[in-house]
Structures are given as C-alpha cells and as structure tokens.
Amino acid sequence: MEQVYLFGIASQRTAWLATRQTLVAENVANANTPGYQAKDLASFSEVLASTRLDLASSSNMHMASLGGTGDSQDVVTETPWDVTHSGNSVSLEQEMLKAGEISRAYSLDTSVVKAFHRLLVMSVKG
C-alpha cells in the first residue's frame, strides 16, 4: 500500500511544529541577551502553498513539469511587540502565546491522524 497523503502532510507539519518550538525556546533562552532579535518560521500554510509537486512525464507530449519546491524552514525575523533599551526584541508573553499555539496545533494534528488511522483500519478489516 502506498503512503497515504494525509500522513505525509501530518509528518511535515509535525516537523514544522518541532522547528518552531525550537525557535520559541531559543527566543525565551535569549530573552535577556542584548541586541537579540526574536525569530519565527513562516506559517505552515505559506510553506505548503509554496511547495509544489513535480509532475512526471514519460513523453515530450505530456504536460511538462514546472519544477522547483519551496524551503520549509524559512526563518523570519518577527516584528516585536516592544524593543527594550538593550535592543532585545523578545517578548516573553508573545513567546508563551506561540508555545500555546504550537501545543494546540500538535494536539489537533495527532487527533486527526489517530481518527484517520482508525478509519483506515476499520475499512481494511471490513
């Protein structure tokens, strides 16, 4: 059985969430570092929209592939809520909100994958 597309998307989103959580932890760890600029990833929907599947063709008469994929790990410097006199742009409140978003997104993703897995198992069992 070939890999189900939903499982691939869920795996990519989980990797994206893990990378985003790492950046949030890095921002919190550097909350008192002078001149540190807070970082975040581009949203997953932007990453997904910029990633295309290349078409395979066995003949020159078939539709040609346009090629190229987006990079899913684009780190962007975010706009801070406030900048302290030391030049640090980390807002602990904003980072905690992001950590909560990441936790909720991960829980939602695992719930969807579990439900889809149960549905798939029930359909195979008959």
C-alpha atoms as a PDB file:
ATOM      1  CA  MET A   1       0.000   0.000   0.000  1.00  0.00           C
ATOM      2  CA  GLU A   2       1.389   3.391  -0.956  1.00  0.00           C
ATOM      3  CA  GLN A   3       1.843   6.094   1.637  1.00  0.00           C
ATOM      4  CA  VAL A   4      -1.367   7.987   2.350  1.00  0.00           C
ATOM      5  CA  TYR A   5      -1.044  11.692   1.526  1.00  0.00           C
ATOM      6  CA  LEU A   6      -2.581  12.805   4.834  1.00  0.00           C
ATOM      7  CA  PHE A   7       0.118  11.012   6.818  1.00  0.00           C
ATOM      8  CA  GLY A   8       2.820  12.779   4.778  1.00  0.00           C
ATOM      9  CA  ILE A   9       1.283  16.208   5.389  1.00  0.00           C
ATOM     10  CA  ALA A  10       0.892  15.440   9.098  1.00  0.00           C
ATOM     11  CA  SER A  11       4.540  14.370   9.272  1.00  0.00           C
ATOM     12  CA  GLN A  12       5.681  17.581   7.566  1.00  0.00           C
ATOM     13  CA  ARG A  13       3.543  19.705   9.876  1.00  0.00           C
ATOM     14  CA  THR A  14       4.910  17.893  12.933  1.00  0.00           C
ATOM     15  CA  ALA A  15       8.464  18.607  11.770  1.00  0.00           C
ATOM     16  CA  TRP A  16       7.495  22.251  11.179  1.00  0.00           C
ATOM     17  CA  LEU A  17       5.965  22.477  14.665  1.00  0.00           C
ATOM     18  CA  ALA A  18       9.111  20.959  16.219  1.00  0.00           C
ATOM     19  CA  THR A  19      11.305  23.505  14.430  1.00  0.00           C
ATOM     20  CA  ARG A  20       9.015  26.343  15.505  1.00  0.00           C
ATOM     21  CA  GLN A  21       9.093  25.127  19.115  1.00  0.00           C
ATOM     22  CA  THR A  22      12.909  25.101  18.954  1.00  0.00           C
ATOM     23  CA  LEU A  23      12.916  28.735  17.793  1.00  0.00           C
ATOM     24  CA  VAL A  24      10.471  29.741  20.534  1.00  0.00           C
ATOM     25  CA  ALA A  25      12.710  28.063  23.136  1.00  0.00           C
ATOM     26  CA  GLU A  26      15.736  29.843  21.663  1.00  0.00           C
ATOM     27  CA  ASN A  27      13.905  33.179  21.877  1.00  0.00           C
ATOM     28  CA  VAL A  28      12.995  32.565  25.532  1.00  0.00           C
ATOM     29  CA  ALA A  29      16.555  31.481  26.345  1.00  0.00           C
ATOM     30  CA  ASN A  30      17.880  34.736  24.858  1.00  0.00           C
ATOM     31  CA  ALA A  31      15.263  36.997  26.465  1.00  0.00           C
ATOM     32  CA  ASN A  32      17.973  38.916  28.341  1.00  0.00           C
ATOM     33  CA  THR A  33      20.641  38.888  25.620  1.00  0.00           C
ATOM     34  CA  PRO A  34      21.368  42.452  24.449  1.00  0.00           C
ATOM     35  CA  GLY A  35      20.679  43.010  20.755  1.00  0.00           C
ATOM     36  CA  TYR A  36      18.997  39.614  20.209  1.00  0.00           C
ATOM     37  CA  GLN A  37      16.226  39.660  17.600  1.00  0.00           C
ATOM     38  CA  ALA A  38      13.307  37.239  18.076  1.00  0.00           C
ATOM     39  CA  LYS A  39      12.848  34.655  15.304  1.00  0.00           C
ATOM     40  CA  ASP A  40       9.909  32.653  13.993  1.00  0.00           C
ATOM     41  CA  LEU A  41       9.089  30.466  10.994  1.00  0.00           C
ATOM     42  CA  ALA A  42       6.904  31.363   8.061  1.00  0.00           C
ATOM     43  CA  SER A  43       3.393  29.975   8.601  1.00  0.00           C
ATOM     44  CA  PHE A  44       2.798  26.375   7.568  1.00  0.00           C
ATOM     45  CA  SER A  45       0.100  27.414   5.098  1.00  0.00           C
ATOM     46  CA  GLU A  46       2.640  29.670   3.317  1.00  0.00           C
ATOM     47  CA  VAL A  47       5.166  26.837   3.262  1.00  0.00           C
ATOM     48  CA  LEU A  48       2.562  24.407   1.923  1.00  0.00           C
ATOM     49  CA  ALA A  49       1.417  26.893  -0.727  1.00  0.00           C
ATOM     50  CA  SER A  50       4.988  27.436  -1.941  1.00  0.00           C
ATOM     51  CA  THR A  51       5.698  23.698  -2.177  1.00  0.00           C
ATOM     52  CA  ARG A  52       4.590  22.080  -5.405  1.00  0.00           C
ATOM     53  CA  LEU A  53       4.634  18.521  -6.587  1.00  0.00           C
ATOM     54  CA  ASP A  54       6.620  17.934  -9.763  1.00  0.00           C
ATOM     55  CA  LEU A  55       4.801  16.028 -12.457  1.00  0.00           C
ATOM     56  CA  ALA A  56       6.485  13.021 -14.020  1.00  0.00           C
ATOM     57  CA  SER A  57       6.180  12.605 -17.761  1.00  0.00           C
ATOM     58  CA  SER A  58       7.144   9.711 -19.963  1.00  0.00           C
ATOM     59  CA  SER A  59       6.730  11.583 -23.243  1.00  0.00           C
ATOM     60  CA  ASN A  60       7.543  15.045 -24.564  1.00  0.00           C
ATOM     61  CA  MET A  61       3.867  15.372 -25.478  1.00  0.00           C
ATOM     62  CA  HIS A  62       2.860  15.177 -21.802  1.00  0.00           C
ATOM     63  CA  MET A  63       2.494  18.208 -19.629  1.00  0.00           C
ATOM     64  CA  ALA A  64       5.952  19.482 -18.681  1.00  0.00           C
ATOM     65  CA  SER A  65       6.886  19.882 -15.047  1.00  0.00           C
ATOM     66  CA  LEU A  66       7.452  23.412 -13.874  1.00  0.00           C
ATOM     67  CA  GLY A  67       9.956  22.228 -11.237  1.00  0.00           C
ATOM     68  CA  GLY A  68      11.105  23.839  -8.036  1.00  0.00           C
ATOM     69  CA  THR A  69       9.994  23.450  -4.455  1.00  0.00           C
ATOM     70  CA  GLY A  70       9.896  25.841  -1.547  1.00  0.00           C
ATOM     71  CA  ASP A  71      12.076  25.584   1.537  1.00  0.00           C
ATOM     72  CA  SER A  72      10.014  24.591   4.577  1.00  0.00           C
ATOM     73  CA  GLN A  73      12.468  26.012   7.085  1.00  0.00           C
ATOM     74  CA  ASP A  74      12.412  29.733   6.217  1.00  0.00           C
ATOM     75  CA  VAL A  75      13.317  31.594   9.408  1.00  0.00           C
ATOM     76  CA  VAL A  76      11.949  35.112   9.540  1.00  0.00           C
ATOM     77  CA  THR A  77      12.726  37.873  11.999  1.00  0.00           C
ATOM     78  CA  GLU A  78       9.437  38.828  13.546  1.00  0.00           C
ATOM     79  CA  THR A  79       8.100  42.246  14.408  1.00  0.00           C
ATOM     80  CA  PRO A  80       8.474  42.667  18.175  1.00  0.00           C
ATOM     81  CA  TRP A  81       5.761  43.962  20.463  1.00  0.00           C
ATOM     82  CA  ASP A  82       8.345  46.185  22.068  1.00  0.00           C
ATOM     83  CA  VAL A  83      12.093  46.646  21.995  1.00  0.00           C
ATOM     84  CA  THR A  84      13.978  47.270  25.219  1.00  0.00           C
ATOM     85  CA  HIS A  85      16.805  49.756  25.567  1.00  0.00           C
ATOM     86  CA  SER A  86      19.281  46.861  25.123  1.00  0.00           C
ATOM     87  CA  GLY A  87      17.924  46.246  21.599  1.00  0.00           C
ATOM     88  CA  ASN A  88      16.365  42.900  22.549  1.00  0.00           C
ATOM     89  CA  SER A  89      13.027  42.251  20.817  1.00  0.00           C
ATOM     90  CA  VAL A  90      11.909  39.137  22.720  1.00  0.00           C
ATOM     91  CA  SER A  91       8.526  39.446  24.444  1.00  0.00           C
ATOM     92  CA  LEU A  92       8.024  36.570  26.875  1.00  0.00           C
ATOM     93  CA  GLU A  93       4.238  36.996  26.681  1.00  0.00           C
ATOM     94  CA  GLN A  94       4.318  36.660  22.905  1.00  0.00           C
ATOM     95  CA  GLU A  95       6.593  33.613  23.094  1.00  0.00           C
ATOM     96  CA  MET A  96       4.282  31.911  25.617  1.00  0.00           C
ATOM     97  CA  LEU A  97       1.318  32.561  23.312  1.00  0.00           C
ATOM     98  CA  LYS A  98       3.249  30.931  20.465  1.00  0.00           C
ATOM     99  CA  ALA A  99       4.131  27.957  22.674  1.00  0.00           C
ATOM    100  CA  GLY A 100       0.419  27.515  23.446  1.00  0.00           C
ATOM    101  CA  GLU A 101      -0.435  27.687  19.729  1.00  0.00           C
ATOM    102  CA  ILE A 102       2.182  25.044  18.978  1.00  0.00           C
ATOM    103  CA  SER A 103       0.845  22.758  21.706  1.00  0.00           C
ATOM    104  CA  ARG A 104      -2.761  23.090  20.460  1.00  0.00           C
ATOM    105  CA  ALA A 105      -1.720  22.525  16.835  1.00  0.00           C
ATOM    106  CA  TYR A 106       0.248  19.411  17.776  1.00  0.00           C
ATOM    107  CA  SER A 107      -2.716  18.025  19.745  1.00  0.00           C
ATOM    108  CA  LEU A 108      -5.069  18.716  16.841  1.00  0.00           C
ATOM    109  CA  ASP A 109      -2.715  17.064  14.346  1.00  0.00           C
ATOM    110  CA  THR A 110      -2.327  13.928  16.454  1.00  0.00           C
ATOM    111  CA  SER A 111      -6.106  13.713  16.961  1.00  0.00           C
ATOM    112  CA  VAL A 112      -6.742  13.962  13.214  1.00  0.00           C
ATOM    113  CA  VAL A 113      -4.095  11.336  12.413  1.00  0.00           C
ATOM    114  CA  LYS A 114      -5.476   8.968  15.081  1.00  0.00           C
ATOM    115  CA  ALA A 115      -9.015   9.368  13.721  1.00  0.00           C
ATOM    116  CA  PHE A 116      -7.850   8.804  10.158  1.00  0.00           C
ATOM    117  CA  HIS A 117      -5.845   5.762  11.249  1.00  0.00           C
ATOM    118  CA  ARG A 118      -8.898   4.273  12.999  1.00  0.00           C
ATOM    119  CA  LEU A 119     -10.967   4.902   9.864  1.00  0.00           C
ATOM    120  CA  LEU A 120      -8.325   3.265   7.696  1.00  0.00           C
ATOM    121  CA  VAL A 121      -8.076   0.207   9.991  1.00  0.00           C
ATOM    122  CA  MET A 122     -11.867  -0.178  10.074  1.00  0.00           C
ATOM    123  CA  SER A 123     -12.047  -0.036   6.282  1.00  0.00           C
ATOM    124  CA  VAL A 124      -9.311  -2.684   5.937  1.00  0.00           C
ATOM    125  CA  LYS A 125     -10.923  -5.013   8.491  1.00  0.00           C
ATOM    126  CA  GLY A 126     -14.238  -4.698   6.718  1.00  0.00           C
END
